[in-house]
Amino acid sequence: MSDRADFVATPGLVSVVTASYNMGGYIAETLDSVLAQAYPHIESIVVDDGSTDDTARVLERYAGDPRVRVVRQANAGQTVAKNRGLREARGEFIAFCDADDTWRPDKLSKQLPRFADPRVAVVYSDIECVDGQGLVLPYYDIPHYEGRVTAQLLIDNFVPFPTAVARAEVLRAAGGFDEKLTMSIDYDLWLRISVDHHFAFVPERLANYRVWDGQMSKKTGERLDNFMRLLDRFLRDHPGAATKRQIDQAYAHVHVTRGYWHAREGRRADAWRDYREALRRDPLALRMWKRIISLGLDRDRIRPGGGA
C-alpha cells in the first residue's frame, strides 16, 4: 500500500485518518474529539477531498497543532481519500474517524491494550448513533465476535467503521481499500483481513456515529445489492474461507434483509422472491419465518414481476 520504500511505522503512534468532503459544519467537532484522547501518541491526518464549503477555513484553526496534518486533493471519492490517508500515516496503528463522527475520550486507551495479543489485527467497539444535532437515536444491539470472524462477517458487518483500529502493516499488506468500490469499502477490507488475522472487541460504545435524515432509506437497495456482489466476489476469491453451511446462512441473511426492505417499499413480489431464496438456503431460520409471517404473503395474489 505504501509508496515509500523506506517506510517504518512509529512504535505506539496511532494515525487517525479522517476523509472529508464538504463537512465544514462537523469536522471541528470530529478533530476535537480525536485530539482529546487520553492516549497521548496520536497524529491526525485529514484528507480534504476537494471540499467546496468552509472546510479549509475551519481547518485553519489547527494549523499550529503539530499533531494535525491536512492533505488536500481534487475530489476523487471517499475510497481514494482514505487510501491517501493510509499512505500518509506514520503510526504503528491506524484508526478511522470520518468527518461527521466523534470519539469518546477513552476510546484508544481502552482499545490499544488488546493488541498485546500479536494475533490481533483489528480492535473495534460498539457505537452510539446520533442525529445531525448530536441527539442519541434508538439503537438495537447486534452480536459482536472476536477471534477468527470470517464466518460471522459473511452474515453481517458488525465492525463499526469509526471504532476500528488496525495494525498499519496489516492494512498495507491487504492493499488498503478497493478503489473500484464506492460502498461497503470497510466491509470488503475487514473480510479480506479476517482470512488470516484475529479481531478483538471492546464491549463499550466508544464512538458516536452520525445518522443523516433519510440517508439509509435512500441507499438501502443499492447497499444490499452491493453487499451481495461483495459476498460473491469474496467467496470466489477465497473458496475455503467458510463451510457450505456458513455460506448458505450468509446468503440467507442478505436475502431476508433485502426481502424485508422490498416489503416495506411495497414490492411484495420481489420480497417473496428473496424470502423464497432465503428459505432454500436456510429453511430452519426462525428470523426468516417471522419476516414471512409478518408480510402475510399470499402467493396466488402476487403478480409476476410486480407488486401484489
C-alpha atoms as a PDB file:
ATOM      1  CA  MET A   1       0.000   0.000   0.000  1.00  0.00           C
ATOM      2  CA  SER A   2       2.761   2.447   0.894  1.00  0.00           C
ATOM      3  CA  ASP A   3       4.555   4.284  -1.905  1.00  0.00           C
ATOM      4  CA  ARG A   4       7.578   4.857   0.351  1.00  0.00           C
ATOM      5  CA  ALA A   5      10.082   2.012   0.241  1.00  0.00           C
ATOM      6  CA  ASP A   6      11.794   3.229   3.446  1.00  0.00           C
ATOM      7  CA  PHE A   7       8.566   3.425   5.459  1.00  0.00           C
ATOM      8  CA  VAL A   8       8.949   2.446   9.118  1.00  0.00           C
ATOM      9  CA  ALA A   9       5.959   2.756  11.438  1.00  0.00           C
ATOM     10  CA  THR A  10       6.492   4.806  14.585  1.00  0.00           C
ATOM     11  CA  PRO A  11       6.068   2.446  17.578  1.00  0.00           C
ATOM     12  CA  GLY A  12       2.967   3.163  19.643  1.00  0.00           C
ATOM     13  CA  LEU A  13       1.778   6.003  17.397  1.00  0.00           C
ATOM     14  CA  VAL A  14      -1.848   5.909  16.237  1.00  0.00           C
ATOM     15  CA  SER A  15      -2.502   7.613  12.901  1.00  0.00           C
ATOM     16  CA  VAL A  16      -6.135   8.749  12.733  1.00  0.00           C
ATOM     17  CA  VAL A  17      -7.382   9.093   9.157  1.00  0.00           C
ATOM     18  CA  THR A  18     -10.271  11.477   8.527  1.00  0.00           C
ATOM     19  CA  ALA A  19     -11.520  11.727   4.957  1.00  0.00           C
ATOM     20  CA  SER A  20     -13.723  14.766   4.445  1.00  0.00           C
ATOM     21  CA  TYR A  21     -15.811  16.283   1.691  1.00  0.00           C
ATOM     22  CA  ASN A  22     -17.867  19.385   2.496  1.00  0.00           C
ATOM     23  CA  MET A  23     -18.109  18.614   6.205  1.00  0.00           C
ATOM     24  CA  GLY A  24     -17.174  22.053   7.476  1.00  0.00           C
ATOM     25  CA  GLY A  25     -20.127  22.001   9.823  1.00  0.00           C
ATOM     26  CA  TYR A  26     -18.888  18.946  11.725  1.00  0.00           C
ATOM     27  CA  ILE A  27     -15.185  18.444  11.153  1.00  0.00           C
ATOM     28  CA  ALA A  28     -14.068  20.625  14.060  1.00  0.00           C
ATOM     29  CA  GLU A  29     -16.128  18.513  16.464  1.00  0.00           C
ATOM     30  CA  THR A  30     -14.581  15.396  14.944  1.00  0.00           C
ATOM     31  CA  LEU A  31     -10.983  16.611  15.245  1.00  0.00           C
ATOM     32  CA  ASP A  32     -11.511  17.969  18.746  1.00  0.00           C
ATOM     33  CA  SER A  33     -12.694  14.521  19.854  1.00  0.00           C
ATOM     34  CA  VAL A  34      -9.644  12.873  18.297  1.00  0.00           C
ATOM     35  CA  LEU A  35      -7.207  15.349  19.840  1.00  0.00           C
ATOM     36  CA  ALA A  36      -8.886  14.990  23.262  1.00  0.00           C
ATOM     37  CA  GLN A  37      -7.906  11.329  23.558  1.00  0.00           C
ATOM     38  CA  ALA A  38      -6.453  10.224  26.878  1.00  0.00           C
ATOM     39  CA  TYR A  39      -3.948   8.182  24.862  1.00  0.00           C
ATOM     40  CA  PRO A  40      -1.229  10.743  24.002  1.00  0.00           C
ATOM     41  CA  HIS A  41       0.570   9.262  20.999  1.00  0.00           C
ATOM     42  CA  ILE A  42      -1.576  10.248  18.031  1.00  0.00           C
ATOM     43  CA  GLU A  43      -1.391  12.068  14.743  1.00  0.00           C
ATOM     44  CA  SER A  44      -4.464  13.288  12.899  1.00  0.00           C
ATOM     45  CA  ILE A  45      -4.387  13.088   9.106  1.00  0.00           C
ATOM     46  CA  VAL A  46      -7.193  14.997   7.411  1.00  0.00           C
ATOM     47  CA  VAL A  47      -7.669  14.331   3.721  1.00  0.00           C
ATOM     48  CA  ASP A  48      -9.756  17.160   2.291  1.00  0.00           C
ATOM     49  CA  ASP A  49     -11.255  15.574  -0.800  1.00  0.00           C
ATOM     50  CA  GLY A  50     -11.823  18.742  -2.824  1.00  0.00           C
ATOM     51  CA  SER A  51     -14.300  20.398  -0.447  1.00  0.00           C
ATOM     52  CA  THR A  52     -16.073  23.500  -1.748  1.00  0.00           C
ATOM     53  CA  ASP A  53     -17.618  24.639   1.542  1.00  0.00           C
ATOM     54  CA  ASP A  54     -15.884  26.315   4.508  1.00  0.00           C
ATOM     55  CA  THR A  55     -13.785  23.240   5.395  1.00  0.00           C
ATOM     56  CA  ALA A  56     -10.488  24.989   4.593  1.00  0.00           C
ATOM     57  CA  ARG A  57     -11.365  27.908   6.873  1.00  0.00           C
ATOM     58  CA  VAL A  58     -12.368  25.586   9.716  1.00  0.00           C
ATOM     59  CA  LEU A  59      -9.132  23.612   9.400  1.00  0.00           C
ATOM     60  CA  GLU A  60      -7.051  26.779   9.729  1.00  0.00           C
ATOM     61  CA  ARG A  61      -7.619  26.721  13.482  1.00  0.00           C
ATOM     62  CA  TYR A  62      -5.479  23.548  13.705  1.00  0.00           C
ATOM     63  CA  ALA A  63      -2.546  24.995  11.765  1.00  0.00           C
ATOM     64  CA  GLY A  64      -0.464  25.393  14.924  1.00  0.00           C
ATOM     65  CA  ASP A  65      -1.070  21.878  16.249  1.00  0.00           C
ATOM     66  CA  PRO A  66       1.837  19.576  15.274  1.00  0.00           C
ATOM     67  CA  ARG A  67      -0.417  16.540  15.686  1.00  0.00           C
ATOM     68  CA  VAL A  68      -2.606  17.579  12.744  1.00  0.00           C
ATOM     69  CA  ARG A  69      -1.652  17.244   9.085  1.00  0.00           C
ATOM     70  CA  VAL A  70      -4.007  18.353   6.335  1.00  0.00           C
ATOM     71  CA  VAL A  71      -3.683  16.858   2.868  1.00  0.00           C
ATOM     72  CA  ARG A  72      -5.692  18.399   0.066  1.00  0.00           C
ATOM     73  CA  GLN A  73      -6.584  16.733  -3.209  1.00  0.00           C
ATOM     74  CA  ALA A  74      -9.013  17.152  -6.081  1.00  0.00           C
ATOM     75  CA  ASN A  75     -12.294  15.400  -5.401  1.00  0.00           C
ATOM     76  CA  ALA A  76     -11.798  11.687  -6.029  1.00  0.00           C
ATOM     77  CA  GLY A  77     -14.248   9.993  -3.656  1.00  0.00           C
ATOM     78  CA  GLN A  78     -14.019   8.539  -0.164  1.00  0.00           C
ATOM     79  CA  THR A  79     -12.127   5.403  -1.158  1.00  0.00           C
ATOM     80  CA  VAL A  80      -9.265   7.271  -2.806  1.00  0.00           C
ATOM     81  CA  ALA A  81      -9.205   9.789   0.037  1.00  0.00           C
ATOM     82  CA  LYS A  82      -8.943   7.082   2.693  1.00  0.00           C
ATOM     83  CA  ASN A  83      -6.138   5.344   0.820  1.00  0.00           C
ATOM     84  CA  ARG A  84      -4.324   8.669   0.614  1.00  0.00           C
ATOM     85  CA  GLY A  85      -4.585   8.874   4.375  1.00  0.00           C
ATOM     86  CA  LEU A  86      -3.148   5.364   4.717  1.00  0.00           C
ATOM     87  CA  ARG A  87      -0.167   6.340   2.575  1.00  0.00           C
ATOM     88  CA  GLU A  88       0.460   9.413   4.695  1.00  0.00           C
ATOM     89  CA  ALA A  89       0.185   7.577   8.036  1.00  0.00           C
ATOM     90  CA  ARG A  90       3.350   7.144  10.108  1.00  0.00           C
ATOM     91  CA  GLY A  91       1.900   5.202  13.020  1.00  0.00           C
ATOM     92  CA  GLU A  92       2.168   1.586  14.059  1.00  0.00           C
ATOM     93  CA  PHE A  93      -1.639   1.614  14.226  1.00  0.00           C
ATOM     94  CA  ILE A  94      -4.221   3.288  12.021  1.00  0.00           C
ATOM     95  CA  ALA A  95      -7.696   4.330  13.104  1.00  0.00           C
ATOM     96  CA  PHE A  96     -10.577   5.933  11.236  1.00  0.00           C
ATOM     97  CA  CYS A  97     -12.940   8.733  12.195  1.00  0.00           C
ATOM     98  CA  ASP A  98     -14.977  10.226   9.376  1.00  0.00           C
ATOM     99  CA  ALA A  99     -15.642  13.959   9.427  1.00  0.00           C
ATOM    100  CA  ASP A 100     -19.141  13.718  10.896  1.00  0.00           C
ATOM    101  CA  ASP A 101     -18.377  11.164  13.632  1.00  0.00           C
ATOM    102  CA  THR A 102     -16.783  11.627  17.064  1.00  0.00           C
ATOM    103  CA  TRP A 103     -14.882   9.602  19.649  1.00  0.00           C
ATOM    104  CA  ARG A 104     -15.166   9.247  23.403  1.00  0.00           C
ATOM    105  CA  PRO A 105     -12.008  10.469  25.226  1.00  0.00           C
ATOM    106  CA  ASP A 106     -11.035   6.999  26.470  1.00  0.00           C
ATOM    107  CA  LYS A 107     -11.523   5.192  23.148  1.00  0.00           C
ATOM    108  CA  LEU A 108      -7.906   4.490  22.217  1.00  0.00           C
ATOM    109  CA  SER A 109      -6.741   3.868  25.788  1.00  0.00           C
ATOM    110  CA  LYS A 110      -9.331   1.099  26.095  1.00  0.00           C
ATOM    111  CA  GLN A 111      -8.655  -0.463  22.695  1.00  0.00           C
ATOM    112  CA  LEU A 112      -4.871  -0.457  22.325  1.00  0.00           C
ATOM    113  CA  PRO A 113      -4.172  -2.934  25.174  1.00  0.00           C
ATOM    114  CA  ARG A 114      -5.917  -5.615  23.113  1.00  0.00           C
ATOM    115  CA  PHE A 115      -3.016  -5.506  20.645  1.00  0.00           C
ATOM    116  CA  ALA A 116      -0.880  -7.183  23.288  1.00  0.00           C
ATOM    117  CA  ASP A 117      -2.081 -10.355  21.574  1.00  0.00           C
ATOM    118  CA  PRO A 118       0.103 -10.498  18.430  1.00  0.00           C
ATOM    119  CA  ARG A 119      -2.623 -12.375  16.549  1.00  0.00           C
ATOM    120  CA  VAL A 120      -4.998  -9.419  16.761  1.00  0.00           C
ATOM    121  CA  ALA A 121      -5.031  -7.182  13.678  1.00  0.00           C
ATOM    122  CA  VAL A 122      -8.197  -5.147  14.300  1.00  0.00           C
ATOM    123  CA  VAL A 123      -9.770  -3.914  17.535  1.00  0.00           C
ATOM    124  CA  TYR A 124     -13.261  -2.462  17.402  1.00  0.00           C
ATOM    125  CA  SER A 125     -16.023  -1.415  19.790  1.00  0.00           C
ATOM    126  CA  ASP A 126     -19.714  -0.599  19.840  1.00  0.00           C
ATOM    127  CA  ILE A 127     -21.172   2.767  18.800  1.00  0.00           C
ATOM    128  CA  GLU A 128     -23.792   5.287  19.801  1.00  0.00           C
ATOM    129  CA  CYS A 129     -25.967   6.526  16.941  1.00  0.00           C
ATOM    130  CA  VAL A 130     -26.743  10.260  16.959  1.00  0.00           C
ATOM    131  CA  ASP A 131     -28.645  12.578  14.650  1.00  0.00           C
ATOM    132  CA  GLY A 132     -27.472  15.740  12.919  1.00  0.00           C
ATOM    133  CA  GLN A 133     -27.748  17.708  16.171  1.00  0.00           C
ATOM    134  CA  GLY A 134     -25.948  15.076  18.237  1.00  0.00           C
ATOM    135  CA  LEU A 135     -29.048  13.697  19.944  1.00  0.00           C
ATOM    136  CA  VAL A 136     -28.933   9.989  20.730  1.00  0.00           C
ATOM    137  CA  LEU A 137     -31.047   7.809  18.456  1.00  0.00           C
ATOM    138  CA  PRO A 138     -32.662   4.446  19.261  1.00  0.00           C
ATOM    139  CA  TYR A 139     -30.168   1.692  18.580  1.00  0.00           C
ATOM    140  CA  TYR A 140     -30.528  -2.058  18.708  1.00  0.00           C
ATOM    141  CA  ASP A 141     -27.715  -4.268  19.879  1.00  0.00           C
ATOM    142  CA  ILE A 142     -26.249  -6.746  17.424  1.00  0.00           C
ATOM    143  CA  PRO A 143     -23.934  -9.676  18.132  1.00  0.00           C
ATOM    144  CA  HIS A 144     -20.208  -8.956  18.090  1.00  0.00           C
ATOM    145  CA  TYR A 145     -17.459 -11.518  17.677  1.00  0.00           C
ATOM    146  CA  GLU A 146     -13.768 -11.981  18.426  1.00  0.00           C
ATOM    147  CA  GLY A 147     -11.000 -14.173  17.110  1.00  0.00           C
ATOM    148  CA  ARG A 148     -11.324 -15.604  13.620  1.00  0.00           C
ATOM    149  CA  VAL A 149     -14.546 -13.957  12.499  1.00  0.00           C
ATOM    150  CA  THR A 150     -14.808 -14.617   8.762  1.00  0.00           C
ATOM    151  CA  ALA A 151     -17.890 -16.828   9.022  1.00  0.00           C
ATOM    152  CA  GLN A 152     -19.725 -14.265  11.160  1.00  0.00           C
ATOM    153  CA  LEU A 153     -18.650 -11.357   8.944  1.00  0.00           C
ATOM    154  CA  LEU A 154     -20.089 -13.134   5.932  1.00  0.00           C
ATOM    155  CA  ILE A 155     -23.512 -12.756   7.523  1.00  0.00           C
ATOM    156  CA  ASP A 156     -23.215  -9.120   8.571  1.00  0.00           C
ATOM    157  CA  ASN A 157     -20.680  -6.339   9.029  1.00  0.00           C
ATOM    158  CA  PHE A 158     -20.604  -5.909  12.795  1.00  0.00           C
ATOM    159  CA  VAL A 159     -17.420  -3.768  12.834  1.00  0.00           C
ATOM    160  CA  PRO A 160     -18.495  -0.094  13.071  1.00  0.00           C
ATOM    161  CA  PHE A 161     -16.093   1.885  10.910  1.00  0.00           C
ATOM    162  CA  PRO A 162     -15.410   4.810  13.296  1.00  0.00           C
ATOM    163  CA  THR A 163     -14.416   2.375  16.043  1.00  0.00           C
ATOM    164  CA  ALA A 164     -11.845   0.313  14.130  1.00  0.00           C
ATOM    165  CA  VAL A 165      -8.136   0.454  14.981  1.00  0.00           C
ATOM    166  CA  ALA A 166      -5.822  -1.759  12.921  1.00  0.00           C
ATOM    167  CA  ARG A 167      -2.162  -2.609  12.616  1.00  0.00           C
ATOM    168  CA  ALA A 168      -0.720  -0.460   9.837  1.00  0.00           C
ATOM    169  CA  GLU A 169       1.342  -3.329   8.432  1.00  0.00           C
ATOM    170  CA  VAL A 170      -1.781  -5.474   8.070  1.00  0.00           C
ATOM    171  CA  LEU A 171      -3.731  -2.749   6.285  1.00  0.00           C
ATOM    172  CA  ARG A 172      -0.904  -2.193   3.845  1.00  0.00           C
ATOM    173  CA  ALA A 173      -0.386  -5.911   3.242  1.00  0.00           C
ATOM    174  CA  ALA A 174      -4.106  -6.160   2.428  1.00  0.00           C
ATOM    175  CA  GLY A 175      -3.746  -3.409  -0.174  1.00  0.00           C
ATOM    176  CA  GLY A 176      -5.912  -0.870   1.623  1.00  0.00           C
ATOM    177  CA  PHE A 177      -9.392  -0.070   0.364  1.00  0.00           C
ATOM    178  CA  ASP A 178     -10.528  -1.294  -3.037  1.00  0.00           C
ATOM    179  CA  GLU A 179     -10.804   1.835  -5.175  1.00  0.00           C
ATOM    180  CA  LYS A 180     -13.158   0.116  -7.599  1.00  0.00           C
ATOM    181  CA  LEU A 181     -15.813   0.153  -4.864  1.00  0.00           C
ATOM    182  CA  THR A 182     -17.938   3.111  -3.781  1.00  0.00           C
ATOM    183  CA  MET A 183     -19.931   1.425  -0.997  1.00  0.00           C
ATOM    184  CA  SER A 184     -19.179  -1.146   1.722  1.00  0.00           C
ATOM    185  CA  ILE A 185     -15.458  -0.468   1.343  1.00  0.00           C
ATOM    186  CA  ASP A 186     -14.813  -1.192   5.015  1.00  0.00           C
ATOM    187  CA  TYR A 187     -16.764  -4.459   4.905  1.00  0.00           C
ATOM    188  CA  ASP A 188     -14.680  -5.622   1.951  1.00  0.00           C
ATOM    189  CA  LEU A 189     -11.459  -4.750   3.797  1.00  0.00           C
ATOM    190  CA  TRP A 190     -12.469  -6.457   7.057  1.00  0.00           C
ATOM    191  CA  LEU A 191     -13.433  -9.623   5.179  1.00  0.00           C
ATOM    192  CA  ARG A 192     -10.058  -9.805   3.457  1.00  0.00           C
ATOM    193  CA  ILE A 193      -8.153  -9.179   6.688  1.00  0.00           C
ATOM    194  CA  SER A 194     -10.245 -11.733   8.618  1.00  0.00           C
ATOM    195  CA  VAL A 195      -8.979 -14.613   6.493  1.00  0.00           C
ATOM    196  CA  ASP A 196      -5.563 -14.562   8.203  1.00  0.00           C
ATOM    197  CA  HIS A 197      -5.976 -12.456  11.341  1.00  0.00           C
ATOM    198  CA  HIS A 198      -7.891 -12.130  14.600  1.00  0.00           C
ATOM    199  CA  PHE A 199     -10.309  -9.381  15.597  1.00  0.00           C
ATOM    200  CA  ALA A 200     -10.912  -8.145  19.159  1.00  0.00           C
ATOM    201  CA  PHE A 201     -13.975  -6.389  20.577  1.00  0.00           C
ATOM    202  CA  VAL A 202     -14.240  -3.862  23.408  1.00  0.00           C
ATOM    203  CA  PRO A 203     -17.865  -4.039  24.671  1.00  0.00           C
ATOM    204  CA  GLU A 204     -18.417  -0.306  25.155  1.00  0.00           C
ATOM    205  CA  ARG A 205     -19.843   2.480  23.000  1.00  0.00           C
ATOM    206  CA  LEU A 206     -16.655   4.401  22.333  1.00  0.00           C
ATOM    207  CA  ALA A 207     -17.688   6.387  19.247  1.00  0.00           C
ATOM    208  CA  ASN A 208     -20.667   8.386  18.043  1.00  0.00           C
ATOM    209  CA  TYR A 209     -21.881   7.539  14.544  1.00  0.00           C
ATOM    210  CA  ARG A 210     -23.918  10.304  12.945  1.00  0.00           C
ATOM    211  CA  VAL A 211     -27.004   9.209  11.008  1.00  0.00           C
ATOM    212  CA  TRP A 212     -28.349  11.696   8.486  1.00  0.00           C
ATOM    213  CA  ASP A 213     -32.066  12.054   7.890  1.00  0.00           C
ATOM    214  CA  GLY A 214     -33.150   9.644   5.166  1.00  0.00           C
ATOM    215  CA  GLN A 215     -29.654   8.524   4.243  1.00  0.00           C
ATOM    216  CA  MET A 216     -30.224   4.824   4.908  1.00  0.00           C
ATOM    217  CA  SER A 217     -33.619   4.595   3.207  1.00  0.00           C
ATOM    218  CA  LYS A 218     -32.349   6.297   0.083  1.00  0.00           C
ATOM    219  CA  LYS A 219     -29.435   3.914  -0.365  1.00  0.00           C
ATOM    220  CA  THR A 220     -30.671   0.695   1.220  1.00  0.00           C
ATOM    221  CA  GLY A 221     -31.354  -1.117  -2.049  1.00  0.00           C
ATOM    222  CA  GLU A 222     -28.022  -0.138  -3.553  1.00  0.00           C
ATOM    223  CA  ARG A 223     -26.230  -1.101  -0.349  1.00  0.00           C
ATOM    224  CA  LEU A 224     -27.854  -4.553  -0.190  1.00  0.00           C
ATOM    225  CA  ASP A 225     -27.170  -5.271  -3.866  1.00  0.00           C
ATOM    226  CA  ASN A 226     -23.577  -4.195  -3.369  1.00  0.00           C
ATOM    227  CA  PHE A 227     -23.344  -6.401  -0.265  1.00  0.00           C
ATOM    228  CA  MET A 228     -24.435  -9.379  -2.369  1.00  0.00           C
ATOM    229  CA  ARG A 229     -21.816  -8.667  -5.048  1.00  0.00           C
ATOM    230  CA  LEU A 230     -19.083  -8.373  -2.424  1.00  0.00           C
ATOM    231  CA  LEU A 231     -20.160 -11.681  -0.939  1.00  0.00           C
ATOM    232  CA  ASP A 232     -19.998 -13.340  -4.368  1.00  0.00           C
ATOM    233  CA  ARG A 233     -16.542 -11.936  -5.061  1.00  0.00           C
ATOM    234  CA  PHE A 234     -15.071 -12.757  -1.679  1.00  0.00           C
ATOM    235  CA  LEU A 235     -16.220 -16.383  -1.802  1.00  0.00           C
ATOM    236  CA  ARG A 236     -14.919 -16.720  -5.346  1.00  0.00           C
ATOM    237  CA  ASP A 237     -11.512 -15.363  -4.291  1.00  0.00           C
ATOM    238  CA  HIS A 238     -11.394 -17.318  -1.006  1.00  0.00           C
ATOM    239  CA  PRO A 239     -13.101 -20.653  -1.698  1.00  0.00           C
ATOM    240  CA  GLY A 240     -12.016 -22.252   1.579  1.00  0.00           C
ATOM    241  CA  ALA A 241     -12.910 -19.345   3.861  1.00  0.00           C
ATOM    242  CA  ALA A 242     -16.223 -20.815   5.083  1.00  0.00           C
ATOM    243  CA  THR A 243     -18.204 -24.041   5.141  1.00  0.00           C
ATOM    244  CA  LYS A 244     -21.198 -24.613   2.883  1.00  0.00           C
ATOM    245  CA  ARG A 245     -23.492 -24.237   5.884  1.00  0.00           C
ATOM    246  CA  GLN A 246     -21.947 -20.870   6.790  1.00  0.00           C
ATOM    247  CA  ILE A 247     -22.180 -19.690   3.183  1.00  0.00           C
ATOM    248  CA  ASP A 248     -25.854 -20.667   2.999  1.00  0.00           C
ATOM    249  CA  GLN A 249     -26.542 -18.773   6.241  1.00  0.00           C
ATOM    250  CA  ALA A 250     -24.761 -15.697   4.875  1.00  0.00           C
ATOM    251  CA  TYR A 251     -26.764 -15.637   1.633  1.00  0.00           C
ATOM    252  CA  ALA A 252     -29.984 -16.347   3.504  1.00  0.00           C
ATOM    253  CA  HIS A 253     -29.375 -13.392   5.798  1.00  0.00           C
ATOM    254  CA  VAL A 254     -28.847 -10.993   2.875  1.00  0.00           C
ATOM    255  CA  HIS A 255     -31.901 -12.306   1.018  1.00  0.00           C
ATOM    256  CA  VAL A 256     -34.208 -11.976   4.018  1.00  0.00           C
ATOM    257  CA  THR A 257     -32.892  -8.486   4.781  1.00  0.00           C
ATOM    258  CA  ARG A 258     -33.432  -7.397   1.189  1.00  0.00           C
ATOM    259  CA  GLY A 259     -36.817  -9.107   1.170  1.00  0.00           C
ATOM    260  CA  TYR A 260     -37.889  -7.167   4.233  1.00  0.00           C
ATOM    261  CA  TRP A 261     -36.774  -3.931   2.584  1.00  0.00           C
ATOM    262  CA  HIS A 262     -38.719  -4.807  -0.602  1.00  0.00           C
ATOM    263  CA  ALA A 263     -41.797  -5.493   1.545  1.00  0.00           C
ATOM    264  CA  ARG A 264     -41.537  -2.133   3.314  1.00  0.00           C
ATOM    265  CA  GLU A 265     -41.264  -0.433  -0.077  1.00  0.00           C
ATOM    266  CA  GLY A 266     -44.430  -2.198  -1.269  1.00  0.00           C
ATOM    267  CA  ARG A 267     -42.704  -4.599  -3.685  1.00  0.00           C
ATOM    268  CA  ARG A 268     -44.288  -7.758  -2.345  1.00  0.00           C
ATOM    269  CA  ALA A 269     -43.398  -9.970  -5.324  1.00  0.00           C
ATOM    270  CA  ASP A 270     -39.724  -9.002  -5.031  1.00  0.00           C
ATOM    271  CA  ALA A 271     -39.940  -9.641  -1.304  1.00  0.00           C
ATOM    272  CA  TRP A 272     -41.329 -13.109  -1.864  1.00  0.00           C
ATOM    273  CA  ARG A 273     -38.553 -13.985  -4.331  1.00  0.00           C
ATOM    274  CA  ASP A 274     -35.900 -13.002  -1.782  1.00  0.00           C
ATOM    275  CA  TYR A 275     -37.673 -14.879   1.029  1.00  0.00           C
ATOM    276  CA  ARG A 276     -38.033 -17.961  -1.121  1.00  0.00           C
ATOM    277  CA  GLU A 277     -34.297 -17.969  -1.877  1.00  0.00           C
ATOM    278  CA  ALA A 278     -33.539 -17.396   1.804  1.00  0.00           C
ATOM    279  CA  LEU A 279     -35.663 -20.401   2.759  1.00  0.00           C
ATOM    280  CA  ARG A 280     -33.966 -22.527   0.138  1.00  0.00           C
ATOM    281  CA  ARG A 281     -30.616 -21.645   1.679  1.00  0.00           C
ATOM    282  CA  ASP A 282     -31.624 -21.927   5.336  1.00  0.00           C
ATOM    283  CA  PRO A 283     -35.137 -23.375   5.795  1.00  0.00           C
ATOM    284  CA  LEU A 284     -34.924 -23.604   9.588  1.00  0.00           C
ATOM    285  CA  ALA A 285     -34.034 -19.962  10.275  1.00  0.00           C
ATOM    286  CA  LEU A 286     -36.626 -18.584  12.693  1.00  0.00           C
ATOM    287  CA  ARG A 287     -35.905 -14.982  11.695  1.00  0.00           C
ATOM    288  CA  MET A 288     -36.961 -15.659   8.117  1.00  0.00           C
ATOM    289  CA  TRP A 289     -40.217 -17.351   9.085  1.00  0.00           C
ATOM    290  CA  LYS A 290     -41.073 -14.360  11.279  1.00  0.00           C
ATOM    291  CA  ARG A 291     -40.469 -11.992   8.369  1.00  0.00           C
ATOM    292  CA  ILE A 292     -42.623 -14.057   6.019  1.00  0.00           C
ATOM    293  CA  ILE A 293     -45.476 -14.312   8.516  1.00  0.00           C
ATOM    294  CA  SER A 294     -45.339 -10.578   9.199  1.00  0.00           C
ATOM    295  CA  LEU A 295     -45.544  -9.857   5.498  1.00  0.00           C
ATOM    296  CA  GLY A 296     -48.620 -12.064   5.134  1.00  0.00           C
ATOM    297  CA  LEU A 297     -47.756 -13.105   1.608  1.00  0.00           C
ATOM    298  CA  ASP A 298     -50.290 -14.984  -0.442  1.00  0.00           C
ATOM    299  CA  ARG A 299     -48.512 -16.433  -3.473  1.00  0.00           C
ATOM    300  CA  ASP A 300     -51.710 -16.615  -5.501  1.00  0.00           C
ATOM    301  CA  ARG A 301     -52.236 -12.853  -5.177  1.00  0.00           C
ATOM    302  CA  ILE A 302     -48.763 -11.871  -6.360  1.00  0.00           C
ATOM    303  CA  ARG A 303     -48.381 -10.717  -9.947  1.00  0.00           C
ATOM    304  CA  PRO A 304     -45.105 -11.891 -11.535  1.00  0.00           C
ATOM    305  CA  GLY A 305     -42.638  -9.057 -11.832  1.00  0.00           C
ATOM    306  CA  GLY A 306     -44.715  -6.573  -9.862  1.00  0.00           C
ATOM    307  CA  GLY A 307     -46.419  -5.900  -6.581  1.00  0.00           C
ATOM    308  CA  ALA A 308     -49.415  -7.551  -5.044  1.00  0.00           C
END
